[in-house]
Amino acid sequence: MDAHLHTIWMIALTVALYLLARHMYLRSGAHPLLNIVIVGATALIVFLLACDIPYSDFVPAKNIMTAPLGPATVGLAVPLYRYRKLLRSNAMGIIGSVTAGTLLSMLISGAICKYAGLPWDVVVSMVPKGASIPFTVEIARIYDGIPALGAAFVAATGTSMAPLGTVLLTRARVNDPVARGLALGTVAHAQGTALSLMESPQQGAMSGLALILAGLLTTALAPPVYRVLQSI
């Protein structure tokens, strides 16, 4: 098959599997076990393995599909601007909650890794998992961690915490879109923001803001957190 046609076919397949996974997720009432990323990625992996298609053949399609991530991230500024009055009126609560969530996430995950006896470079890579991948990769690189492992921790955190967080917030009767958005954006970054946008634009705006703040705070808090972890 022509390389360009193969790439187009791979993109079409990925989009189709995503739409199928999204349909199943919505039809199930947002069941956490039917997470869109998990179901879609698993189906794609199974298909590639069954058809004996090497990952290298999928890379060109992957590069095309991930190219718009930068503009898409910048696009989060649109709902933030739309709800700027709400942001101003809740500024202190937003900053305080995201700071507390980010700091606790870093300390708890780092302490668990430390007491589990994991190597220091693994601890360094795990601590910033609450930030998005660009932040985490750079933090891991600066502090002698493993950037690829840090990215894997971020993906695993978002994939697991986005649906689980939604369920826990609902069962705890946390229905306020500001609170839900901040919680999901802080602990589940991009995937939490994607689910928040599906619930409401207001919640998506809060989650997008939390995602950005969590990344900046993780970068700022990394040095003291690493010092604390080294001392215990």
Protein backbone atom coordinates (compact mmCIF):
# COMPACT_ATOMS: atom_id res chain seq x y z
CA MET A 1 0.00 0.00 0.00
CA ASP A 2 1.19 3.52 -0.79
CA ALA A 3 2.71 5.21 2.30
CA HIS A 4 0.37 8.21 2.10
CA LEU A 5 -2.72 6.02 1.74
CA HIS A 6 -1.53 3.88 4.65
CA THR A 7 -1.18 6.98 6.82
CA ILE A 8 -4.66 8.21 5.87
CA TRP A 9 -6.08 4.76 6.60
CA MET A 10 -4.39 4.71 10.04
CA ILE A 11 -5.81 8.14 10.88
CA ALA A 12 -9.29 7.08 9.78
CA LEU A 13 -9.04 3.91 11.87
CA THR A 14 -7.94 5.83 14.96
CA VAL A 15 -10.73 8.37 14.61
CA ALA A 16 -13.30 5.60 14.08
CA LEU A 17 -12.15 3.74 17.20
CA TYR A 18 -12.22 6.97 19.18
CA LEU A 19 -15.79 7.71 18.10
CA LEU A 20 -16.82 4.15 18.96
CA ALA A 21 -15.20 4.39 22.40
CA ARG A 22 -16.86 7.77 22.99
CA HIS A 23 -20.24 6.39 21.99
CA MET A 24 -19.85 3.44 24.38
CA TYR A 25 -18.76 5.77 27.20
CA LEU A 26 -21.72 8.11 26.77
CA ARG A 27 -24.23 5.28 26.33
CA SER A 28 -22.97 3.68 29.56
CA GLY A 29 -23.62 6.83 31.56
CA ALA A 30 -19.90 7.64 31.82
CA HIS A 31 -18.91 4.31 33.37
CA PRO A 32 -15.26 4.55 34.55
CA LEU A 33 -14.35 1.15 33.10
CA LEU A 34 -15.31 2.42 29.64
CA ASN A 35 -12.87 5.33 29.69
CA ILE A 36 -12.52 6.68 26.15
CA VAL A 37 -8.71 6.63 26.15
CA ILE A 38 -8.43 3.13 27.61
CA VAL A 39 -11.04 1.58 25.32
CA GLY A 40 -9.88 3.39 22.18
CA ALA A 41 -6.17 2.79 22.75
CA THR A 42 -6.71 -0.87 23.67
CA ALA A 43 -8.80 -1.48 20.56
CA LEU A 44 -6.16 0.17 18.38
CA ILE A 45 -3.33 -1.84 19.94
CA VAL A 46 -5.24 -5.10 19.53
CA PHE A 47 -5.96 -4.28 15.89
CA LEU A 48 -2.32 -3.46 15.13
CA LEU A 49 -1.14 -6.65 16.81
CA ALA A 50 -3.78 -8.80 15.09
CA CYS A 51 -2.85 -7.39 11.69
CA ASP A 52 0.88 -7.60 12.45
CA ILE A 53 1.32 -3.87 11.79
CA PRO A 54 4.49 -2.55 13.49
CA TYR A 55 4.29 0.63 15.53
CA SER A 56 6.77 2.29 13.19
CA ASP A 57 4.11 2.12 10.46
CA PHE A 58 1.69 3.96 12.74
CA VAL A 59 4.13 6.76 13.67
CA PRO A 60 3.46 9.01 10.61
CA ALA A 61 -0.26 9.00 11.39
CA LYS A 62 0.45 9.61 15.07
CA ASN A 63 2.64 12.61 14.25
CA ILE A 64 -0.09 14.17 12.12
CA MET A 65 -2.76 13.63 14.77
CA THR A 66 -0.66 15.02 17.62
CA ALA A 67 0.52 18.09 15.68
CA PRO A 68 -2.60 20.16 16.61
CA LEU A 69 -2.08 19.57 20.36
CA GLY A 70 -0.28 22.90 20.76
CA PRO A 71 -3.02 25.02 19.14
CA ALA A 72 -5.67 22.96 20.95
CA THR A 73 -4.03 23.73 24.29
CA VAL A 74 -3.90 27.42 23.45
CA GLY A 75 -7.58 27.15 22.55
CA LEU A 76 -8.34 26.55 26.24
CA ALA A 77 -7.93 30.31 26.62
CA VAL A 78 -11.30 30.81 24.90
CA PRO A 79 -13.50 29.41 27.70
CA LEU A 80 -11.19 31.06 30.26
CA TYR A 81 -11.84 34.44 28.67
CA ARG A 82 -15.56 33.75 28.47
CA TYR A 83 -15.74 33.12 32.22
CA ARG A 84 -13.18 35.74 33.27
CA LYS A 85 -15.61 37.39 35.72
CA LEU A 86 -16.18 34.07 37.46
CA LEU A 87 -12.41 33.55 37.66
CA ARG A 88 -11.88 36.94 39.26
CA SER A 89 -14.63 36.42 41.82
CA ASN A 90 -13.18 33.03 42.87
CA ALA A 91 -9.49 33.87 42.52
CA MET A 92 -8.37 33.10 46.08
CA GLY A 93 -10.34 29.86 46.27
CA ILE A 94 -8.99 28.73 42.90
CA ILE A 95 -5.36 29.44 43.78
CA GLY A 96 -5.67 27.91 47.24
CA SER A 97 -7.38 24.70 46.13
CA VAL A 98 -5.07 24.05 43.16
CA THR A 99 -1.98 24.79 45.29
CA ALA A 100 -3.12 22.40 48.02
CA GLY A 101 -4.03 19.68 45.53
CA THR A 102 -0.77 20.00 43.62
CA LEU A 103 1.41 20.00 46.73
CA LEU A 104 -0.35 17.02 48.32
CA SER A 105 -0.17 15.05 45.05
CA MET A 106 3.59 15.63 44.80
CA LEU A 107 4.36 14.82 48.43
CA ILE A 108 2.14 11.75 48.70
CA SER A 109 3.27 10.15 45.44
CA GLY A 110 6.92 10.89 46.19
CA ALA A 111 6.68 9.54 49.75
CA ILE A 112 5.01 6.33 48.56
CA CYS A 113 7.78 5.76 46.00
CA LYS A 114 10.46 6.59 48.57
CA TYR A 115 9.13 4.21 51.20
CA ALA A 116 8.64 1.52 48.57
CA GLY A 117 12.39 1.62 48.02
CA LEU A 118 12.24 2.74 44.40
CA PRO A 119 15.33 4.33 42.82
CA TRP A 120 15.63 8.10 43.14
CA ASP A 121 15.28 8.70 39.41
CA VAL A 122 11.92 6.91 39.53
CA VAL A 123 10.85 9.06 42.50
CA VAL A 124 11.86 12.19 40.58
CA SER A 125 9.83 11.05 37.58
CA MET A 126 6.74 10.22 39.64
CA VAL A 127 6.51 13.45 41.68
CA PRO A 128 5.40 15.81 38.85
CA LYS A 129 2.80 13.39 37.43
CA GLY A 130 0.01 15.83 38.30
CA ALA A 131 1.23 18.27 35.64
CA SER A 132 0.75 17.84 31.92
CA ILE A 133 3.39 15.98 29.89
CA PRO A 134 5.43 19.01 28.70
CA PHE A 135 5.93 20.19 32.29
CA THR A 136 6.66 16.71 33.64
CA VAL A 137 9.19 15.80 30.94
CA GLU A 138 11.20 18.97 31.52
CA ILE A 139 11.08 18.65 35.32
CA ALA A 140 12.24 15.03 35.13
CA ARG A 141 15.06 16.02 32.78
CA ILE A 142 16.25 18.92 34.96
CA TYR A 143 16.33 16.88 38.17
CA ASP A 144 17.93 13.74 36.67
CA GLY A 145 14.75 11.73 36.38
CA ILE A 146 13.55 9.68 33.40
CA PRO A 147 11.51 11.89 31.04
CA ALA A 148 9.86 8.97 29.24
CA LEU A 149 8.84 7.41 32.55
CA GLY A 150 7.48 10.75 33.73
CA ALA A 151 5.35 11.00 30.59
CA ALA A 152 4.06 7.47 31.20
CA PHE A 153 3.10 8.38 34.78
CA VAL A 154 1.21 11.43 33.49
CA ALA A 155 -0.71 9.37 30.94
CA ALA A 156 -1.55 6.70 33.53
CA THR A 157 -2.69 9.33 36.03
CA GLY A 158 -4.95 11.11 33.57
CA THR A 159 -6.40 7.88 32.20
CA SER A 160 -7.25 6.52 35.65
CA MET A 161 -8.12 9.66 37.60
CA ALA A 162 -10.34 11.39 35.02
CA PRO A 163 -13.16 8.79 35.10
CA LEU A 164 -12.56 7.79 38.72
CA GLY A 165 -12.53 11.42 39.85
CA THR A 166 -15.80 12.08 38.06
CA VAL A 167 -17.46 9.14 39.82
CA LEU A 168 -16.08 10.08 43.24
CA LEU A 169 -17.14 13.72 42.89
CA THR A 170 -20.65 12.65 41.87
CA ARG A 171 -20.96 10.20 44.76
CA ALA A 172 -19.70 12.88 47.15
CA ARG A 173 -22.45 15.13 45.72
CA VAL A 174 -19.99 17.72 44.50
CA ASN A 175 -22.08 19.19 41.70
CA ASP A 176 -20.74 22.73 41.54
CA PRO A 177 -19.04 23.14 38.13
CA VAL A 178 -16.25 25.30 39.59
CA ALA A 179 -15.35 22.72 42.23
CA ARG A 180 -15.61 19.77 39.82
CA GLY A 181 -13.56 21.49 37.16
CA LEU A 182 -10.79 22.52 39.55
CA ALA A 183 -10.58 19.03 41.05
CA LEU A 184 -10.42 17.23 37.71
CA GLY A 185 -8.00 19.70 36.16
CA THR A 186 -5.66 19.47 39.15
CA VAL A 187 -5.47 15.68 39.40
CA ALA A 188 -6.22 14.53 35.84
CA HIS A 189 -4.89 17.43 33.68
CA ALA A 190 -5.83 17.13 29.98
CA GLN A 191 -8.10 14.12 30.28
CA GLY A 192 -9.86 15.65 33.26
CA THR A 193 -10.35 18.82 31.24
CA ALA A 194 -11.75 16.86 28.30
CA LEU A 195 -14.34 15.19 30.54
CA SER A 196 -15.13 18.53 32.18
CA LEU A 197 -15.80 20.13 28.82
CA MET A 198 -18.21 17.31 28.07
CA GLU A 199 -20.14 18.15 31.26
CA SER A 200 -20.31 21.93 30.78
CA PRO A 201 -18.30 24.83 29.26
CA GLN A 202 -18.02 26.48 32.68
CA GLN A 203 -16.58 23.36 34.26
CA GLY A 204 -14.22 22.95 31.32
CA ALA A 205 -12.94 26.49 31.79
CA MET A 206 -12.20 25.83 35.45
CA SER A 207 -10.48 22.55 34.63
CA GLY A 208 -8.36 24.18 31.94
CA LEU A 209 -7.27 26.86 34.38
CA ALA A 210 -6.44 24.25 37.02
CA LEU A 211 -4.41 22.31 34.44
CA ILE A 212 -2.29 25.38 33.68
CA LEU A 213 -1.90 26.41 37.33
CA ALA A 214 -0.98 22.86 38.37
CA GLY A 215 1.79 22.80 35.77
CA LEU A 216 3.22 26.14 36.91
CA LEU A 217 2.92 25.22 40.59
CA THR A 218 4.53 21.81 40.03
CA THR A 219 7.49 23.54 38.41
CA ALA A 220 7.80 26.03 41.28
CA LEU A 221 7.30 23.48 44.07
CA ALA A 222 9.58 20.78 42.64
CA PRO A 223 12.85 21.99 44.31
CA PRO A 224 11.51 22.16 47.91
CA VAL A 225 9.49 18.96 47.47
CA TYR A 226 12.55 17.05 46.25
CA ARG A 227 14.57 18.36 49.20
CA VAL A 228 11.90 17.21 51.64
CA LEU A 229 11.76 13.77 50.03
CA GLN A 230 15.54 13.41 50.13
CA SER A 231 15.52 14.13 53.86
CA ILE A 232 13.01 11.41 54.79
